[in-house]
C-alpha atoms as a PDB file:
ATOM      1  CA  THR A   1     -37.844  15.453  34.986  1.00  0.00           C
ATOM      2  CA  SER A   2     -37.167  11.382  33.500  1.00  0.00           C
ATOM      3  CA  ILE A   3     -37.389  12.535  29.685  1.00  0.00           C
ATOM      4  CA  ARG A   4     -34.784  15.243  31.757  1.00  0.00           C
ATOM      5  CA  ASN A   5     -32.875  12.995  32.714  1.00  0.00           C
ATOM      6  CA  SER A   6     -32.692  11.127  29.846  1.00  0.00           C
ATOM      7  CA  VAL A   7     -31.750  13.100  27.329  1.00  0.00           C
ATOM      8  CA  HIS A   8     -29.196  14.984  30.039  1.00  0.00           C
ATOM      9  CA  ASP A   9     -27.913  11.063  29.763  1.00  0.00           C
ATOM     10  CA  VAL A  10     -27.714  11.020  25.590  1.00  0.00           C
ATOM     11  CA  GLU A  11     -25.868  14.649  25.840  1.00  0.00           C
ATOM     12  CA  MET A  12     -22.989  12.578  28.654  1.00  0.00           C
ATOM     13  CA  THR A  13     -22.978  10.361  25.913  1.00  0.00           C
ATOM     14  CA  LEU A  14     -22.674  12.252  22.516  1.00  0.00           C
ATOM     15  CA  ILE A  15     -19.768  14.120  24.641  1.00  0.00           C
ATOM     16  CA  LEU A  16     -18.166  10.396  25.515  1.00  0.00           C
ATOM     17  CA  SER A  17     -18.414   9.084  22.249  1.00  0.00           C
ATOM     18  CA  THR A  18     -16.837  12.554  20.785  1.00  0.00           C
ATOM     19  CA  VAL A  19     -13.808  12.387  22.873  1.00  0.00           C
ATOM     20  CA  LEU A  20     -12.559   8.649  23.055  1.00  0.00           C
ATOM     21  CA  VAL A  21     -13.253   8.795  18.733  1.00  0.00           C
ATOM     22  CA  ILE A  22     -10.596  11.219  19.070  1.00  0.00           C
ATOM     23  CA  LEU A  23      -8.765   9.987  21.726  1.00  0.00           C
ATOM     24  CA  VAL A  24      -8.363   6.633  18.954  1.00  0.00           C
ATOM     25  CA  VAL A  25      -7.790   9.119  16.290  1.00  0.00           C
ATOM     26  CA  PHE A  26      -4.164   9.733  18.395  1.00  0.00           C
ATOM     27  CA  LEU A  27      -4.040   6.625  19.028  1.00  0.00           C
ATOM     28  CA  PHE A  28      -3.209   5.275  15.678  1.00  0.00           C
ATOM     29  CA  LEU A  29      -1.615   8.488  14.180  1.00  0.00           C
ATOM     30  CA  ARG A  30       0.522   8.836  16.462  1.00  0.00           C
ATOM     31  CA  ASN A  31       0.499  13.296  15.859  1.00  0.00           C
ATOM     32  CA  PHE A  32      -0.856  15.432  17.589  1.00  0.00           C
ATOM     33  CA  LYS A  33      -1.888  17.898  15.330  1.00  0.00           C
ATOM     34  CA  ALA A  34      -2.403  15.513  13.011  1.00  0.00           C
ATOM     35  CA  THR A  35      -5.005  14.907  15.673  1.00  0.00           C
ATOM     36  CA  LEU A  36      -6.428  18.647  15.294  1.00  0.00           C
ATOM     37  CA  VAL A  37      -7.578  18.130  11.866  1.00  0.00           C
ATOM     38  CA  PRO A  38     -11.044  15.178  13.529  1.00  0.00           C
ATOM     39  CA  SER A  39     -10.878  17.134  16.621  1.00  0.00           C
ATOM     40  CA  VAL A  40     -12.318  20.059  14.722  1.00  0.00           C
ATOM     41  CA  CYS A  41     -13.158  18.488  12.306  1.00  0.00           C
ATOM     42  CA  VAL A  42     -16.225  16.014  14.214  1.00  0.00           C
ATOM     43  CA  PRO A  43     -17.358  18.824  16.480  1.00  0.00           C
ATOM     44  CA  LEU A  44     -17.812  21.291  13.672  1.00  0.00           C
ATOM     45  CA  SER A  45     -20.300  18.478  11.409  1.00  0.00           C
ATOM     46  CA  LEU A  46     -22.379  17.972  14.581  1.00  0.00           C
ATOM     47  CA  LEU A  47     -22.598  22.073  14.507  1.00  0.00           C
ATOM     48  CA  GLY A  48     -23.943  22.192  11.213  1.00  0.00           C
ATOM     49  CA  THR A  49     -26.159  19.744  11.860  1.00  0.00           C
ATOM     50  CA  PHE A  50     -27.297  21.884  14.758  1.00  0.00           C
ATOM     51  CA  GLY A  51     -27.999  24.207  12.148  1.00  0.00           C
ATOM     52  CA  VAL A  52     -30.387  22.578   9.794  1.00  0.00           C
ATOM     53  CA  MET A  53     -31.405  20.920  12.178  1.00  0.00           C
ATOM     54  CA  TYR A  54     -32.797  23.907  13.721  1.00  0.00           C
ATOM     55  CA  LEU A  55     -34.379  24.905   9.764  1.00  0.00           C
ATOM     56  CA  LEU A  56     -36.056  21.263   9.465  1.00  0.00           C
ATOM     57  CA  GLY A  57     -37.921  22.120  12.908  1.00  0.00           C
ATOM     58  CA  TYR A  58     -36.142  18.754  14.862  1.00  0.00           C
ATOM     59  CA  SER A  59     -35.380  19.769  18.791  1.00  0.00           C
ATOM     60  CA  LEU A  60     -32.793  17.521  20.996  1.00  0.00           C
ATOM     61  CA  ASP A  61     -35.181  14.754  21.458  1.00  0.00           C
ATOM     62  CA  ASN A  62     -33.623  11.010  22.696  1.00  0.00           C
ATOM     63  CA  PHE A  63     -33.562  10.075  18.682  1.00  0.00           C
ATOM     64  CA  SER A  64     -31.725  13.284  17.296  1.00  0.00           C
ATOM     65  CA  LEU A  65     -29.444  12.937  19.492  1.00  0.00           C
ATOM     66  CA  MET A  66     -29.073   9.020  19.314  1.00  0.00           C
ATOM     67  CA  ALA A  67     -28.507   9.946  15.579  1.00  0.00           C
ATOM     68  CA  LEU A  68     -25.883  12.367  15.806  1.00  0.00           C
ATOM     69  CA  ILE A  69     -24.735   9.617  19.016  1.00  0.00           C
ATOM     70  CA  VAL A  70     -24.196   6.719  15.808  1.00  0.00           C
ATOM     71  CA  SER A  71     -22.796   9.391  12.928  1.00  0.00           C
ATOM     72  CA  THR A  72     -20.483  10.601  15.596  1.00  0.00           C
ATOM     73  CA  GLY A  73     -18.186   7.515  13.931  1.00  0.00           C
ATOM     74  CA  PHE A  74     -19.567   8.187  11.048  1.00  0.00           C
ATOM     75  CA  VAL A  75     -18.299  12.007  10.761  1.00  0.00           C
ATOM     76  CA  VAL A  76     -15.125  10.381  11.252  1.00  0.00           C
ATOM     77  CA  ASP A  77     -14.219   8.492   8.010  1.00  0.00           C
ATOM     78  CA  ASN A  78     -13.714  10.688   5.599  1.00  0.00           C
ATOM     79  CA  THR A  79     -11.789  13.332   7.655  1.00  0.00           C
ATOM     80  CA  ILE A  80      -9.374  10.338   7.818  1.00  0.00           C
ATOM     81  CA  VAL A  81      -9.060   9.494   4.560  1.00  0.00           C
ATOM     82  CA  VAL A  82      -8.493  12.787   3.862  1.00  0.00           C
ATOM     83  CA  LEU A  83      -6.207  13.283   6.364  1.00  0.00           C
ATOM     84  CA  GLU A  84      -3.836  10.171   5.853  1.00  0.00           C
ATOM     85  CA  ASN A  85      -3.993  10.760   1.737  1.00  0.00           C
ATOM     86  CA  VAL A  86      -2.304  14.124   2.644  1.00  0.00           C
ATOM     87  CA  THR A  87       0.069  12.596   4.474  1.00  0.00           C
ATOM     88  CA  ARG A  88       1.581  10.724   2.553  1.00  0.00           C
ATOM     89  CA  HIS A  89       1.772  12.946  -0.198  1.00  0.00           C
ATOM     90  CA  LEU A  90       4.080  14.869   2.671  1.00  0.00           C
ATOM     91  CA  GLU A  91       6.121  11.900   3.344  1.00  0.00           C
ATOM     92  CA  ASN A  92       6.843  11.868  -0.406  1.00  0.00           C
ATOM     93  CA  GLY A  93       8.085  14.853  -0.150  1.00  0.00           C
ATOM     94  CA  GLU A  94       5.845  17.522  -1.473  1.00  0.00           C
ATOM     95  CA  ASP A  95       5.141  20.861   0.165  1.00  0.00           C
ATOM     96  CA  ARG A  96       2.528  20.981   2.346  1.00  0.00           C
ATOM     97  CA  LEU A  97      -0.142  22.968  -0.085  1.00  0.00           C
ATOM     98  CA  THR A  98       0.796  20.882  -2.812  1.00  0.00           C
ATOM     99  CA  ALA A  99       0.166  17.545  -0.515  1.00  0.00           C
ATOM    100  CA  ALA A 100      -3.698  18.838   0.451  1.00  0.00           C
ATOM    101  CA  LEU A 101      -4.668  20.003  -3.145  1.00  0.00           C
ATOM    102  CA  LYS A 102      -3.176  16.435  -4.424  1.00  0.00           C
ATOM    103  CA  GLY A 103      -4.394  14.732  -1.997  1.00  0.00           C
ATOM    104  CA  SER A 104      -7.891  15.720  -1.517  1.00  0.00           C
ATOM    105  CA  SER A 105      -8.626  15.574  -5.568  1.00  0.00           C
ATOM    106  CA  GLU A 106      -8.360  11.967  -5.502  1.00  0.00           C
ATOM    107  CA  VAL A 107     -10.236  10.831  -2.464  1.00  0.00           C
ATOM    108  CA  SER A 108     -12.468  13.565  -3.513  1.00  0.00           C
ATOM    109  CA  PHE A 109     -14.858  10.607  -5.646  1.00  0.00           C
ATOM    110  CA  THR A 110     -14.032   7.873  -2.546  1.00  0.00           C
ATOM    111  CA  VAL A 111     -15.306  10.062   0.448  1.00  0.00           C
ATOM    112  CA  LEU A 112     -18.862  10.934  -2.170  1.00  0.00           C
ATOM    113  CA  SER A 113     -18.859   7.205  -2.876  1.00  0.00           C
ATOM    114  CA  MET A 114     -19.328   6.247   1.003  1.00  0.00           C
ATOM    115  CA  SER A 115     -21.326   9.538   1.573  1.00  0.00           C
ATOM    116  CA  VAL A 116     -23.605   8.552  -0.753  1.00  0.00           C
ATOM    117  CA  SER A 117     -24.061   4.456   0.793  1.00  0.00           C
ATOM    118  CA  LEU A 118     -24.107   5.470   3.926  1.00  0.00           C
ATOM    119  CA  VAL A 119     -27.542   8.021   3.177  1.00  0.00           C
ATOM    120  CA  ALA A 120     -28.479   5.244   1.134  1.00  0.00           C
ATOM    121  CA  VAL A 121     -28.916   2.782   3.743  1.00  0.00           C
ATOM    122  CA  PHE A 122     -30.971   5.164   5.521  1.00  0.00           C
ATOM    123  CA  ILE A 123     -33.869   6.015   2.845  1.00  0.00           C
ATOM    124  CA  PRO A 124     -36.199   2.331   4.046  1.00  0.00           C
ATOM    125  CA  LEU A 125     -36.256   4.108   7.030  1.00  0.00           C
ATOM    126  CA  LEU A 126     -37.729   7.286   5.480  1.00  0.00           C
ATOM    127  CA  LEU A 127     -40.572   4.843   3.497  1.00  0.00           C
ATOM    128  CA  MET A 128     -41.484   3.429   6.626  1.00  0.00           C
ATOM    129  CA  GLY A 129     -44.850   4.103   7.149  1.00  0.00           C
ATOM    130  CA  GLY A 130     -47.095   4.450  10.880  1.00  0.00           C
ATOM    131  CA  ILE A 131     -46.169   5.764  14.591  1.00  0.00           C
ATOM    132  CA  VAL A 132     -42.553   3.419  14.191  1.00  0.00           C
ATOM    133  CA  GLY A 133     -41.070   5.666  10.414  1.00  0.00           C
ATOM    134  CA  ARG A 134     -42.398   9.237  11.623  1.00  0.00           C
ATOM    135  CA  LEU A 135     -40.455   7.808  15.050  1.00  0.00           C
ATOM    136  CA  PHE A 136     -37.831   6.890  12.891  1.00  0.00           C
ATOM    137  CA  ARG A 137     -37.984   9.746  10.860  1.00  0.00           C
ATOM    138  CA  GLU A 138     -35.694  12.278  12.215  1.00  0.00           C
ATOM    139  CA  PHE A 139     -33.082   9.508  13.584  1.00  0.00           C
ATOM    140  CA  ALA A 140     -32.636   8.754   9.755  1.00  0.00           C
ATOM    141  CA  VAL A 141     -32.643  12.259   8.341  1.00  0.00           C
ATOM    142  CA  THR A 142     -30.683  13.549  11.303  1.00  0.00           C
ATOM    143  CA  LEU A 143     -28.293  10.607  10.801  1.00  0.00           C
ATOM    144  CA  SER A 144     -28.158  12.190   6.706  1.00  0.00           C
ATOM    145  CA  ILE A 145     -27.896  15.536   7.557  1.00  0.00           C
ATOM    146  CA  ALA A 146     -24.439  14.506   9.749  1.00  0.00           C
ATOM    147  CA  VAL A 147     -22.945  12.146   7.405  1.00  0.00           C
ATOM    148  CA  MET A 148     -23.363  15.569   4.475  1.00  0.00           C
ATOM    149  CA  MET A 149     -22.043  18.104   6.537  1.00  0.00           C
ATOM    150  CA  SER A 150     -18.995  15.478   7.318  1.00  0.00           C
ATOM    151  CA  LEU A 151     -18.749  15.224   3.386  1.00  0.00           C
ATOM    152  CA  LEU A 152     -19.103  18.941   3.254  1.00  0.00           C
ATOM    153  CA  ILE A 153     -16.203  19.824   6.401  1.00  0.00           C
ATOM    154  CA  SER A 154     -13.675  17.199   4.320  1.00  0.00           C
ATOM    155  CA  LEU A 155     -13.327  18.951   1.263  1.00  0.00           C
ATOM    156  CA  THR A 156     -12.813  21.742   3.016  1.00  0.00           C
ATOM    157  CA  THR A 157     -11.919  22.366   5.717  1.00  0.00           C
ATOM    158  CA  THR A 158      -9.461  19.249   6.491  1.00  0.00           C
ATOM    159  CA  PRO A 159      -7.167  19.996   3.845  1.00  0.00           C
ATOM    160  CA  MET A 160      -7.245  23.438   5.193  1.00  0.00           C
ATOM    161  CA  MET A 161      -6.061  22.466   8.024  1.00  0.00           C
ATOM    162  CA  CYS A 162      -3.706  20.354   6.491  1.00  0.00           C
ATOM    163  CA  ALA A 163      -2.391  22.575   4.234  1.00  0.00           C
ATOM    164  CA  LEU A 164      -1.616  24.990   7.865  1.00  0.00           C
ATOM    165  CA  LEU A 165      -0.789  22.194  10.787  1.00  0.00           C
ATOM    166  CA  LEU A 166       0.829  18.638   9.280  1.00  0.00           C
ATOM    167  CA  SER A 167       4.728  19.891   9.104  1.00  0.00           C
ATOM    168  CA  PRO A 168       6.547  18.164   5.917  1.00  0.00           C
ATOM    169  CA  VAL A 169       9.284  16.448   8.482  1.00  0.00           C
ATOM    170  CA  ARG A 170       8.355  13.806  10.316  1.00  0.00           C
ATOM    171  CA  ARG A 171      10.130  13.339  14.254  1.00  0.00           C
ATOM    172  CA  SER A 172      10.931  10.936  15.753  1.00  0.00           C
ATOM    173  CA  PRO A 173       8.449   8.919  17.543  1.00  0.00           C
ATOM    174  CA  GLY A 174       8.476   8.917  20.646  1.00  0.00           C
ATOM    175  CA  ARG A 175       8.806   5.963  23.274  1.00  0.00           C
ATOM    176  CA  LEU A 176       4.981   4.943  23.782  1.00  0.00           C
ATOM    177  CA  ALA A 177       4.800   5.961  19.720  1.00  0.00           C
ATOM    178  CA  ARG A 178       7.163   3.342  19.023  1.00  0.00           C
ATOM    179  CA  THR A 179       5.942   0.979  21.045  1.00  0.00           C
ATOM    180  CA  VAL A 180       2.079   1.581  20.123  1.00  0.00           C
ATOM    181  CA  GLY A 181       3.679   0.498  16.375  1.00  0.00           C
ATOM    182  CA  ARG A 182       4.832  -2.167  16.272  1.00  0.00           C
ATOM    183  CA  GLY A 183       1.817  -3.306  18.301  1.00  0.00           C
ATOM    184  CA  PHE A 184       0.629  -2.258  14.876  1.00  0.00           C
ATOM    185  CA  ASP A 185       3.155  -3.912  12.606  1.00  0.00           C
ATOM    186  CA  LEU A 186       2.514  -6.820  14.008  1.00  0.00           C
ATOM    187  CA  LEU A 187      -1.038  -7.235  12.811  1.00  0.00           C
ATOM    188  CA  LEU A 188       0.012  -5.805   9.747  1.00  0.00           C
ATOM    189  CA  GLY A 189       2.642  -8.615   9.195  1.00  0.00           C
ATOM    190  CA  LEU A 190      -0.351 -11.412  10.617  1.00  0.00           C
ATOM    191  CA  TYR A 191      -3.377  -9.554   8.404  1.00  0.00           C
ATOM    192  CA  GLU A 192      -0.631 -10.301   5.278  1.00  0.00           C
ATOM    193  CA  ARG A 193       0.084 -13.701   5.822  1.00  0.00           C
ATOM    194  CA  THR A 194      -3.858 -14.454   5.710  1.00  0.00           C
ATOM    195  CA  LEU A 195      -3.748 -12.207   3.081  1.00  0.00           C
ATOM    196  CA  GLY A 196      -1.752 -14.182   1.640  1.00  0.00           C
ATOM    197  CA  TRP A 197      -3.024 -17.292   2.519  1.00  0.00           C
ATOM    198  CA  ALA A 198      -6.602 -16.577   1.367  1.00  0.00           C
ATOM    199  CA  LEU A 199      -5.297 -15.273  -1.708  1.00  0.00           C
ATOM    200  CA  GLU A 200      -3.517 -18.619  -2.545  1.00  0.00           C
ATOM    201  CA  HIS A 201      -6.829 -21.220  -1.765  1.00  0.00           C
ATOM    202  CA  SER A 202      -9.027 -19.055  -4.011  1.00  0.00           C
ATOM    203  CA  LEU A 203     -11.918 -21.448  -4.733  1.00  0.00           C
ATOM    204  CA  THR A 204     -12.123 -22.500  -0.234  1.00  0.00           C
ATOM    205  CA  MET A 205     -12.829 -18.494   0.107  1.00  0.00           C
ATOM    206  CA  LEU A 206     -15.234 -18.951  -2.074  1.00  0.00           C
ATOM    207  CA  LEU A 207     -16.970 -22.282  -0.534  1.00  0.00           C
ATOM    208  CA  ILE A 208     -17.282 -20.419   2.557  1.00  0.00           C
ATOM    209  CA  LEU A 209     -18.295 -16.768   1.500  1.00  0.00           C
ATOM    210  CA  GLY A 210     -21.304 -19.340  -0.100  1.00  0.00           C
ATOM    211  CA  ALA A 211     -21.376 -20.684   2.913  1.00  0.00           C
ATOM    212  CA  THR A 212     -22.355 -17.648   4.667  1.00  0.00           C
ATOM    213  CA  LEU A 213     -24.301 -16.472   2.571  1.00  0.00           C
ATOM    214  CA  CYS A 214     -26.725 -19.553   1.860  1.00  0.00           C
ATOM    215  CA  LEU A 215     -26.392 -18.997   6.603  1.00  0.00           C
ATOM    216  CA  ASN A 216     -28.024 -15.392   5.706  1.00  0.00           C
ATOM    217  CA  VAL A 217     -30.864 -16.306   3.813  1.00  0.00           C
ATOM    218  CA  TYR A 218     -31.933 -19.180   6.565  1.00  0.00           C
ATOM    219  CA  LEU A 219     -30.683 -17.329   9.277  1.00  0.00           C
ATOM    220  CA  TYR A 220     -32.873 -14.123   7.821  1.00  0.00           C
END
């Protein structure tokens, strides 16, 4: 009973994390049709992961479900990168099909490098020995599969949905979108000022970087 309750709690966490990721994407994009793209691609990536898990003989235990929860934030990254670049081409006046083709092709190498770097992080977990290594191997493999499925979906399904759903003409935003947009503009202005200061004081930033590295070594 305790095992079933634990797995049920993790399942609910996975559903909630997926919903929260989609809501955050909607908050930033402020476009319902654009939000439909990650709303489909994230569950599709997880479903593809389930299929590969079945072929590998993995079950839905706490480790594999925990890996799926962690991967929810990862799998949406590739889709957002492609979606944002396609939207940029649409705003420049190109038609939907051309924008989808150009947008996805321009960032394909970036998405590939992002996915490979994420998978590389979990290689040490795959090489761990003993009981701990056997426990975490399923976690690492499941998470790596989810990231690679996200790569496949972002380069195929995402451009297709962008070509079908996104509109080349941007509608006037509503009151909520304007309010959120002003908040983002304030954050962007703050970032621009701090970035300018950092570029003007490169020696100070290098000293801070060196001190941070030394502190990391000491703490480790």
